[in-house]
Amino acid sequence: MYILAADIGGTKSWLCLYDIDQVDIKKIKIIYEQRYASADFNNFSLLLNDFLQKVTPEILPAIDLMCLALPGVITQGRSHLTNLDWTLDQQQLQEEFSLKAVCFINDFQAAAMGIHHLNKEDYITLNPAKEKKQAITVVTGAGTGLGLAWMDNTQTPPQLFSTEGGHCDFAPVSEQQIELLRFLRQYYEHVSYERILSGEGLVKLYQFFNPDDLAIKSTETSTMTQIIHHLATYTNAQWHPQAKAAIDLFVQIYAAYIGNLALLYKPAGGIYIAGGIAIHILPWMQEEQFLRHYLNKGRMRHLAEKTALYLVTNTRLGLQGALHFAMNQYVENGEFYNDKTTKRAV
């Protein structure tokens, strides 16, 4: 059985064609995969066409299902992506590319599904705590945007829920953060956590500390975030003060936001931090200041303390989640069906 899974992002899109053994579903073979810069394409159809042209022609009619993990709200088989000017429609894609079936899933729902398929070497423990298997699990992560989803593992099969929690109001917790809020309100009518905890947000933090750097206006976001990271880490073996301050503040706000999730969801199954930024600033995420700001919840500190916290280092998390969500549409008692009424968690 052939499944085309994709993790679509505002910056990068990763497509992979899998061959799943119908006798032993644990035998999964990658036929072809490729990562793209999303902005290189005006729409998803152009990207998909490029991918399919590189797949062996005889395989194309045999693709059973395409599952796309999308960074945006999905309504009745349609989604307009939050940080990329693409609109995707299930029915239109199915007809345009003569696919047997197409399904959409929110990108962080896919990440939550992917959590169950991680190995111990795929994540780092930031806050060790006793974890329950049949409990709520939360997945969040900053990248091009700020995603959030949760899974109820008390249900069979586990239930996935997408949210737009990254767009909740930013809540400053210090005088410096109050000044940051005032600064950001010059640019945004509504200052959400995503306006800070994202690639664009990191650039804005750097601008907050270094408003006279003209390169900010002329450099694209992905390049500027790399420059900030380089300045904070490698410049003449010394900390670049503005770049270091930007990353420090980013980490403090990230930690406080994640601590809020511990209080909101009480996820006894743990909180998993995904997204591309956390991996790139891993040394900062492992510093004492991150845990201190995560635990700074006053009378509710104990709830954060007893919530296990992990940082996912496996970049295939969303892709794996999309694959297993797709398999869940077809697998029942170890056999494959095209009848979507037969489902179980894979």
Protein backbone atom coordinates (compact mmCIF):
# COMPACT_ATOMS: atom_id res chain seq x y z
CA MET A 1 0.00 0.00 0.00
CA TYR A 2 1.29 3.45 -0.93
CA ILE A 3 0.73 6.53 1.26
CA LEU A 4 1.96 9.99 0.40
CA ALA A 5 2.42 11.95 3.65
CA ALA A 6 3.47 15.58 3.89
CA ASP A 7 4.37 18.03 6.64
CA ILE A 8 3.57 21.44 5.14
CA GLY A 9 5.13 24.49 6.74
CA GLY A 10 5.28 28.21 6.15
CA THR A 11 9.01 27.89 5.50
CA LYS A 12 9.65 24.26 4.54
CA SER A 13 7.44 21.48 3.18
CA TRP A 14 8.49 17.85 3.47
CA LEU A 15 6.84 15.19 1.28
CA CYS A 16 7.44 11.46 1.53
CA LEU A 17 5.98 8.49 -0.36
CA TYR A 18 5.79 5.31 1.74
CA ASP A 19 5.20 1.67 0.89
CA ILE A 20 3.49 -0.17 3.77
CA ASP A 21 3.56 -3.95 3.90
CA GLN A 22 -0.04 -5.17 4.01
CA VAL A 23 0.90 -8.26 6.01
CA ASP A 24 3.16 -6.57 8.55
CA ILE A 25 2.25 -2.89 8.88
CA LYS A 26 5.41 -2.24 10.89
CA LYS A 27 7.39 -2.77 7.70
CA ILE A 28 7.43 0.71 6.18
CA LYS A 29 9.67 1.56 3.24
CA ILE A 30 10.43 5.05 1.96
CA ILE A 31 10.05 5.16 -1.83
CA TYR A 32 10.93 8.82 -2.34
CA GLU A 33 11.10 11.97 -0.22
CA GLN A 34 12.01 15.60 -0.73
CA ARG A 35 12.02 18.86 1.22
CA TYR A 36 11.06 22.13 -0.45
CA ALA A 37 11.23 25.82 0.36
CA SER A 38 7.49 26.57 0.45
CA ALA A 39 7.89 30.14 -0.79
CA ASP A 40 9.37 28.83 -4.06
CA PHE A 41 5.84 27.84 -5.15
CA ASN A 42 2.78 30.02 -5.65
CA ASN A 43 0.50 27.21 -4.56
CA PHE A 44 0.61 23.64 -3.30
CA SER A 45 -0.45 22.11 -6.61
CA LEU A 46 2.77 23.32 -8.24
CA LEU A 47 4.84 21.80 -5.44
CA LEU A 48 2.96 18.50 -5.54
CA ASN A 49 3.30 18.32 -9.31
CA ASP A 50 7.07 18.73 -8.98
CA PHE A 51 7.19 15.91 -6.42
CA LEU A 52 5.02 13.49 -8.40
CA GLN A 53 7.04 14.03 -11.57
CA LYS A 54 9.98 12.46 -9.74
CA VAL A 55 8.05 9.35 -8.70
CA THR A 56 8.17 6.23 -10.86
CA PRO A 57 5.14 6.51 -13.24
CA GLU A 58 3.78 3.05 -12.47
CA ILE A 59 3.51 3.91 -8.76
CA LEU A 60 1.37 7.02 -9.27
CA PRO A 61 -1.96 5.21 -9.92
CA ALA A 62 -1.25 2.97 -6.93
CA ILE A 63 -1.11 5.78 -4.33
CA ASP A 64 -3.94 4.90 -1.94
CA LEU A 65 -4.03 8.05 0.16
CA MET A 66 -2.36 11.44 0.43
CA CYS A 67 -2.36 12.94 3.93
CA LEU A 68 -1.28 16.55 4.44
CA ALA A 69 -0.37 18.04 7.83
CA LEU A 70 -1.29 21.73 7.44
CA PRO A 71 -0.44 24.83 9.53
CA GLY A 72 -3.90 26.34 9.66
CA VAL A 73 -7.58 25.86 10.42
CA ILE A 74 -9.24 23.08 8.39
CA THR A 75 -12.93 23.53 7.65
CA GLN A 76 -14.94 21.13 5.48
CA GLY A 77 -11.90 19.89 3.63
CA ARG A 78 -10.44 23.34 2.97
CA SER A 79 -7.63 25.28 4.61
CA HIS A 80 -6.02 28.66 4.05
CA LEU A 81 -2.58 28.45 5.64
CA THR A 82 -1.82 30.93 8.41
CA ASN A 83 1.71 31.99 7.43
CA LEU A 84 1.68 31.11 3.75
CA ASP A 85 -0.71 32.40 1.08
CA TRP A 86 -1.94 28.98 -0.01
CA THR A 87 -5.48 27.66 -0.01
CA LEU A 88 -5.85 23.88 -0.23
CA ASP A 89 -9.00 21.91 -1.04
CA GLN A 90 -9.22 18.14 -0.58
CA GLN A 91 -11.68 17.49 -3.39
CA GLN A 92 -9.83 19.72 -5.84
CA LEU A 93 -6.48 18.00 -5.16
CA GLN A 94 -8.03 14.54 -5.42
CA GLU A 95 -9.53 15.33 -8.83
CA GLU A 96 -6.57 17.32 -10.17
CA PHE A 97 -4.03 14.56 -9.45
CA SER A 98 -6.36 11.54 -9.85
CA LEU A 99 -5.71 10.40 -6.28
CA LYS A 100 -7.84 7.72 -4.66
CA ALA A 101 -8.23 9.71 -1.44
CA VAL A 102 -6.94 12.86 0.26
CA CYS A 103 -7.11 13.79 3.92
CA PHE A 104 -6.03 16.90 5.85
CA ILE A 105 -4.87 17.15 9.45
CA ASN A 106 -3.64 20.13 11.43
CA ASP A 107 0.17 20.11 11.60
CA PHE A 108 0.25 19.93 15.39
CA GLN A 109 -2.41 17.25 15.50
CA ALA A 110 0.02 15.32 13.32
CA ALA A 111 2.82 16.13 15.75
CA ALA A 112 0.69 14.80 18.61
CA MET A 113 0.08 11.59 16.66
CA GLY A 114 3.81 11.36 15.98
CA ILE A 115 4.67 11.49 19.69
CA HIS A 116 3.60 7.85 20.08
CA HIS A 117 6.21 6.80 17.52
CA LEU A 118 9.26 8.45 19.05
CA ASN A 119 12.24 6.58 20.43
CA LYS A 120 14.05 7.71 23.58
CA GLU A 121 16.86 9.19 21.50
CA ASP A 122 14.30 11.41 19.71
CA TYR A 123 13.74 13.79 22.63
CA ILE A 124 15.48 15.44 25.58
CA THR A 125 13.94 15.68 29.05
CA LEU A 126 13.79 19.24 30.36
CA ASN A 127 11.63 18.62 33.42
CA PRO A 128 11.66 15.03 34.72
CA ALA A 129 8.36 14.01 36.24
CA LYS A 130 6.29 10.86 36.51
CA GLU A 131 4.34 10.42 33.29
CA LYS A 132 1.04 8.57 32.85
CA LYS A 133 0.29 6.68 29.63
CA GLN A 134 -3.48 7.09 29.70
CA ALA A 135 -3.65 10.84 30.15
CA ILE A 136 -3.67 14.11 28.25
CA THR A 137 -0.56 14.97 26.24
CA VAL A 138 0.20 18.43 24.85
CA VAL A 139 2.42 19.28 21.89
CA THR A 140 3.47 22.84 21.10
CA GLY A 141 6.24 24.43 19.13
CA ALA A 142 7.60 27.63 17.63
CA GLY A 143 8.71 27.72 14.01
CA THR A 144 7.31 29.89 11.24
CA GLY A 145 4.32 30.17 13.59
CA LEU A 146 3.39 28.81 17.02
CA GLY A 147 1.42 25.56 17.00
CA LEU A 148 -0.52 23.80 19.75
CA ALA A 149 -2.49 20.55 19.90
CA TRP A 150 -3.41 18.01 22.53
CA MET A 151 -4.28 14.34 22.66
CA ASP A 152 -6.66 12.56 25.02
CA ASN A 153 -5.05 9.17 25.59
CA THR A 154 -7.82 8.04 27.93
CA GLN A 155 -9.91 7.29 24.83
CA THR A 156 -9.61 4.29 22.48
CA PRO A 157 -8.41 5.23 19.96
CA PRO A 158 -6.75 8.37 21.37
CA GLN A 159 -8.52 11.57 20.34
CA LEU A 160 -6.60 14.41 18.67
CA PHE A 161 -7.57 18.06 19.07
CA SER A 162 -6.15 21.03 17.18
CA THR A 163 -6.16 24.53 18.66
CA GLU A 164 -5.13 28.05 17.73
CA GLY A 165 -3.63 28.60 21.17
CA GLY A 166 -0.57 30.28 19.69
CA HIS A 167 -2.79 33.25 18.91
CA CYS A 168 -3.76 33.83 22.55
CA ASP A 169 -2.91 37.25 23.98
CA PHE A 170 0.70 37.71 25.04
CA ALA A 171 0.83 38.19 28.83
CA PRO A 172 3.94 40.13 29.94
CA VAL A 173 5.31 39.13 33.36
CA SER A 174 8.03 41.75 33.90
CA GLU A 175 8.71 45.45 33.30
CA GLN A 176 10.90 44.54 30.32
CA GLN A 177 8.11 42.45 28.80
CA ILE A 178 5.63 45.30 29.34
CA GLU A 179 7.99 47.51 27.33
CA LEU A 180 8.16 44.78 24.69
CA LEU A 181 4.35 44.74 24.47
CA ARG A 182 4.32 48.51 23.93
CA PHE A 183 6.98 48.10 21.23
CA LEU A 184 5.05 45.34 19.42
CA ARG A 185 1.80 47.28 19.48
CA GLN A 186 3.43 49.69 17.05
CA TYR A 187 3.32 46.85 14.52
CA TYR A 188 0.34 44.68 15.49
CA GLU A 189 -3.18 45.51 16.61
CA HIS A 190 -3.29 42.18 18.44
CA VAL A 191 -0.08 40.96 20.07
CA SER A 192 -0.31 37.20 20.44
CA TYR A 193 2.31 34.75 21.65
CA GLU A 194 2.94 33.82 18.01
CA ARG A 195 4.08 37.40 17.32
CA ILE A 196 7.01 36.62 19.66
CA LEU A 197 7.44 32.84 19.63
CA SER A 198 8.17 32.38 15.93
CA GLY A 199 10.91 33.15 13.44
CA GLU A 200 9.44 36.58 12.78
CA GLY A 201 9.04 37.05 16.52
CA LEU A 202 12.72 36.41 17.20
CA VAL A 203 13.59 39.07 14.62
CA LYS A 204 11.22 41.51 16.34
CA LEU A 205 12.90 40.76 19.69
CA TYR A 206 16.28 41.53 18.17
CA GLN A 207 14.85 44.76 16.75
CA PHE A 208 13.52 45.61 20.24
CA PHE A 209 17.07 45.49 21.58
CA ASN A 210 18.78 46.83 18.45
CA PRO A 211 16.37 49.21 16.66
CA ASP A 212 19.14 50.82 14.59
CA ASP A 213 20.13 47.64 12.71
CA LEU A 214 18.99 48.46 9.17
CA ALA A 215 19.65 44.88 8.01
CA ILE A 216 16.41 43.81 9.69
CA LYS A 217 14.28 45.57 7.08
CA SER A 218 16.21 44.26 4.07
CA THR A 219 16.80 40.65 5.13
CA GLU A 220 14.21 37.86 4.90
CA THR A 221 13.08 36.36 8.20
CA SER A 222 14.68 32.91 7.87
CA THR A 223 18.06 34.46 7.05
CA MET A 224 17.79 37.01 9.84
CA THR A 225 17.04 34.34 12.46
CA GLN A 226 20.19 32.51 11.39
CA ILE A 227 22.19 35.74 11.68
CA ILE A 228 20.83 36.39 15.19
CA HIS A 229 21.72 32.85 16.26
CA HIS A 230 25.21 33.20 14.78
CA LEU A 231 25.77 36.57 16.45
CA ALA A 232 24.65 35.23 19.82
CA THR A 233 26.81 32.13 19.57
CA TYR A 234 29.93 32.64 17.52
CA THR A 235 30.83 36.33 17.11
CA ASN A 236 34.53 36.61 18.01
CA ALA A 237 33.97 34.02 20.73
CA GLN A 238 32.03 36.74 22.59
CA TRP A 239 28.31 37.14 23.15
CA HIS A 240 26.75 39.70 20.85
CA PRO A 241 24.74 41.57 23.55
CA GLN A 242 21.65 42.42 21.50
CA ALA A 243 21.42 38.98 19.88
CA LYS A 244 21.96 37.19 23.17
CA ALA A 245 19.38 39.41 24.87
CA ALA A 246 16.84 38.60 22.11
CA ILE A 247 17.30 34.84 22.50
CA ASP A 248 17.29 35.07 26.30
CA LEU A 249 13.97 36.94 26.25
CA PHE A 250 12.58 34.55 23.66
CA VAL A 251 13.40 31.60 25.95
CA GLN A 252 11.92 33.31 29.02
CA ILE A 253 8.61 34.01 27.24
CA TYR A 254 8.58 30.54 25.68
CA ALA A 255 9.02 28.97 29.12
CA ALA A 256 6.24 31.08 30.67
CA TYR A 257 3.89 30.20 27.79
CA ILE A 258 4.62 26.46 28.18
CA GLY A 259 4.08 26.75 31.93
CA ASN A 260 0.64 28.19 31.16
CA LEU A 261 -0.14 25.02 29.19
CA ALA A 262 0.72 22.90 32.23
CA LEU A 263 -1.94 24.80 34.17
CA LEU A 264 -4.53 24.88 31.38
CA TYR A 265 -4.43 21.19 30.40
CA LYS A 266 -2.87 19.49 33.45
CA PRO A 267 -1.26 17.06 30.98
CA ALA A 268 -0.19 14.08 33.05
CA GLY A 269 1.10 12.56 29.79
CA GLY A 270 3.60 15.39 29.47
CA ILE A 271 4.26 18.43 27.31
CA TYR A 272 6.37 17.97 24.16
CA ILE A 273 8.11 20.95 22.58
CA ALA A 274 8.43 20.58 18.82
CA GLY A 275 9.03 23.14 16.08
CA GLY A 276 12.32 24.06 14.46
CA ILE A 277 13.42 26.91 16.72
CA ALA A 278 13.81 24.94 19.97
CA ILE A 279 16.31 22.57 18.34
CA HIS A 280 18.43 25.46 17.05
CA ILE A 281 18.56 27.16 20.46
CA LEU A 282 18.90 23.93 22.43
CA PRO A 283 21.71 25.20 24.74
CA TRP A 284 19.42 28.05 25.88
CA MET A 285 16.48 25.67 26.35
CA GLN A 286 18.61 23.56 28.69
CA GLU A 287 19.75 26.49 30.83
CA GLU A 288 18.44 27.05 34.34
CA GLN A 289 16.58 30.21 33.28
CA PHE A 290 14.20 28.22 31.06
CA LEU A 291 13.07 25.91 33.87
CA ARG A 292 12.90 28.83 36.31
CA HIS A 293 10.50 30.76 34.10
CA TYR A 294 8.52 27.61 33.29
CA LEU A 295 7.98 26.94 37.01
CA ASN A 296 7.21 30.56 37.91
CA LYS A 297 3.49 29.99 38.44
CA GLY A 298 3.05 31.24 42.00
CA ARG A 299 0.60 29.14 43.99
CA MET A 300 0.22 26.74 41.04
CA ARG A 301 3.96 26.04 40.74
CA HIS A 302 3.36 22.45 41.87
CA LEU A 303 1.27 21.73 38.75
CA ALA A 304 4.17 22.74 36.49
CA GLU A 305 6.64 20.82 38.65
CA LYS A 306 4.77 17.54 38.27
CA THR A 307 4.32 17.91 34.49
CA ALA A 308 6.97 16.10 32.44
CA LEU A 309 8.53 18.35 29.81
CA TYR A 310 10.35 17.12 26.71
CA LEU A 311 12.06 18.78 23.74
CA VAL A 312 11.67 16.78 20.53
CA THR A 313 14.86 16.59 18.44
CA ASN A 314 13.45 14.31 15.72
CA THR A 315 12.62 16.61 12.80
CA ARG A 316 10.37 13.94 11.22
CA LEU A 317 7.75 14.25 13.97
CA GLY A 318 5.05 15.89 11.83
CA LEU A 319 5.78 13.64 8.87
CA GLN A 320 5.52 10.51 11.03
CA GLY A 321 2.30 11.80 12.51
CA ALA A 322 0.77 12.40 9.08
CA LEU A 323 1.78 8.90 8.00
CA HIS A 324 0.26 7.18 11.03
CA PHE A 325 -2.88 9.31 10.87
CA ALA A 326 -3.24 8.17 7.25
CA MET A 327 -2.69 4.54 8.24
CA ASN A 328 -5.37 4.95 10.89
CA GLN A 329 -7.86 5.70 8.13
CA TYR A 330 -7.28 2.28 6.61
CA VAL A 331 -6.18 -0.21 9.22
CA GLU A 332 -8.44 -2.44 11.24
CA ASN A 333 -7.27 -5.61 12.93
CA GLY A 334 -4.05 -5.63 10.93
CA GLU A 335 -5.76 -5.50 7.53
CA PHE A 336 -6.24 -2.63 5.09
CA TYR A 337 -9.57 -1.23 4.06
CA ASN A 338 -10.72 1.62 1.87
CA ASP A 339 -13.83 1.91 3.99
CA LYS A 340 -13.05 4.85 6.31
CA THR A 341 -15.60 3.64 8.85
CA THR A 342 -13.06 1.07 10.01
CA LYS A 343 -10.41 2.80 12.07
CA ARG A 344 -8.05 2.25 14.94
CA ALA A 345 -4.94 4.00 16.18
CA VAL A 346 -1.74 2.81 14.51
